[in-house]
């Protein structure tokens, strides 16, 4: 696959190109990447159907929202309030925020 020119294209032009190519589900199915042709068309169709399913889209939206949150939604075995309290103590003690509390 010849991709030598791809780094020279601006990000906005790349987005416009990909949006045009991937405009409809049928267009995506009709234009599989060359790498997928070796694996068989059925895998490409299954992948496209999976990525276009409502279940995947719902999970993807939830994950986008989770990544944009200020705090992680879990902290292992310690309660989240304990972690926040320890971080506040360390900020007050050292004057900067630590990334990991052990």
Protein backbone atom coordinates (compact mmCIF):
# COMPACT_ATOMS: atom_id res chain seq x y z
CA UNK A 1 0.00 0.00 0.00
CA UNK A 2 1.48 3.33 -1.05
CA UNK A 3 0.99 5.77 1.83
CA UNK A 4 4.04 7.99 1.31
CA UNK A 5 1.92 10.99 0.37
CA UNK A 6 -0.43 10.73 3.37
CA UNK A 7 1.80 12.67 5.84
CA UNK A 8 1.96 15.60 3.41
CA UNK A 9 -1.83 16.11 3.44
CA UNK A 10 -3.23 18.56 5.98
CA UNK A 11 -5.49 17.14 8.72
CA UNK A 12 -8.53 19.02 7.41
CA UNK A 13 -7.99 17.62 3.90
CA UNK A 14 -7.63 14.10 5.37
CA UNK A 15 -10.90 14.51 7.24
CA UNK A 16 -12.68 15.80 4.14
CA UNK A 17 -11.35 12.89 2.09
CA UNK A 18 -12.32 10.26 4.65
CA UNK A 19 -15.76 11.82 5.14
CA UNK A 20 -16.37 11.67 1.38
CA UNK A 21 -15.20 8.06 1.09
CA UNK A 22 -17.04 6.87 4.19
CA UNK A 23 -20.24 8.84 3.60
CA UNK A 24 -22.61 5.87 3.66
CA UNK A 25 -22.52 2.36 5.04
CA UNK A 26 -22.86 0.94 1.53
CA UNK A 27 -19.89 2.99 0.33
CA UNK A 28 -17.78 1.68 3.21
CA UNK A 29 -18.73 -1.91 2.41
CA UNK A 30 -17.85 -1.40 -1.25
CA UNK A 31 -14.37 0.02 -0.50
CA UNK A 32 -12.52 -2.32 1.87
CA UNK A 33 -8.87 -1.56 2.66
CA UNK A 34 -6.36 -3.62 0.70
CA UNK A 35 -5.24 -5.32 3.93
CA UNK A 36 -8.74 -6.73 4.41
CA UNK A 37 -8.91 -8.30 0.96
CA UNK A 38 -6.44 -11.00 2.05
CA UNK A 39 -8.67 -11.93 4.98
CA UNK A 40 -11.84 -12.22 2.98
CA UNK A 41 -14.73 -9.93 2.31
CA UNK A 42 -16.87 -11.54 5.03
CA UNK A 43 -14.60 -10.24 7.80
CA UNK A 44 -14.82 -6.71 6.37
CA UNK A 45 -18.61 -6.92 6.19
CA UNK A 46 -18.81 -8.25 9.76
CA UNK A 47 -16.51 -5.48 11.03
CA UNK A 48 -18.50 -2.76 9.24
CA UNK A 49 -21.78 -4.14 10.58
CA UNK A 50 -20.34 -4.28 14.10
CA UNK A 51 -19.04 -0.69 13.95
CA UNK A 52 -22.37 0.48 12.54
CA UNK A 53 -24.51 -1.32 15.15
CA UNK A 54 -26.46 0.67 17.73
CA UNK A 55 -24.89 -1.36 20.55
CA UNK A 56 -21.36 -0.34 19.47
CA UNK A 57 -22.36 3.29 18.93
CA UNK A 58 -23.91 3.46 22.40
CA UNK A 59 -20.79 1.98 24.03
CA UNK A 60 -18.56 4.29 22.00
CA UNK A 61 -20.51 7.36 23.12
CA UNK A 62 -20.29 6.25 26.74
CA UNK A 63 -16.54 5.71 26.44
CA UNK A 64 -16.04 9.15 24.87
CA UNK A 65 -17.90 10.67 27.80
CA UNK A 66 -15.89 8.69 30.34
CA UNK A 67 -12.57 9.77 28.82
CA UNK A 68 -13.58 13.43 28.98
CA UNK A 69 -14.33 13.33 32.71
CA UNK A 70 -11.96 14.97 35.14
CA UNK A 71 -11.68 11.92 37.40
CA UNK A 72 -11.48 8.23 36.65
CA UNK A 73 -14.63 6.36 37.60
CA UNK A 74 -12.72 3.75 39.58
CA UNK A 75 -9.69 3.66 41.84
CA UNK A 76 -9.09 0.00 42.52
CA UNK A 77 -9.81 -1.33 45.98
CA UNK A 78 -9.66 2.04 47.76
CA UNK A 79 -12.72 4.28 47.93
CA UNK A 80 -12.57 7.31 45.66
CA UNK A 81 -13.10 9.68 48.60
CA UNK A 82 -9.96 8.25 50.23
CA UNK A 83 -7.89 8.93 47.11
CA UNK A 84 -9.16 12.52 46.84
CA UNK A 85 -8.41 13.14 50.53
CA UNK A 86 -4.85 11.78 50.19
CA UNK A 87 -4.24 13.85 47.06
CA UNK A 88 -5.43 16.98 48.87
CA UNK A 89 -3.08 16.24 51.78
CA UNK A 90 -0.13 15.77 49.42
CA UNK A 91 -0.90 18.98 47.53
CA UNK A 92 -1.02 20.87 50.83
CA UNK A 93 2.16 19.18 52.06
CA UNK A 94 4.34 19.35 48.94
CA UNK A 95 2.69 22.08 46.91
CA UNK A 96 2.10 19.98 43.78
CA UNK A 97 -0.21 17.22 42.69
CA UNK A 98 1.04 13.63 42.45
CA UNK A 99 -0.16 11.44 39.59
CA UNK A 100 -0.25 8.15 41.45
CA UNK A 101 -1.15 7.50 45.08
CA UNK A 102 0.03 4.17 46.45
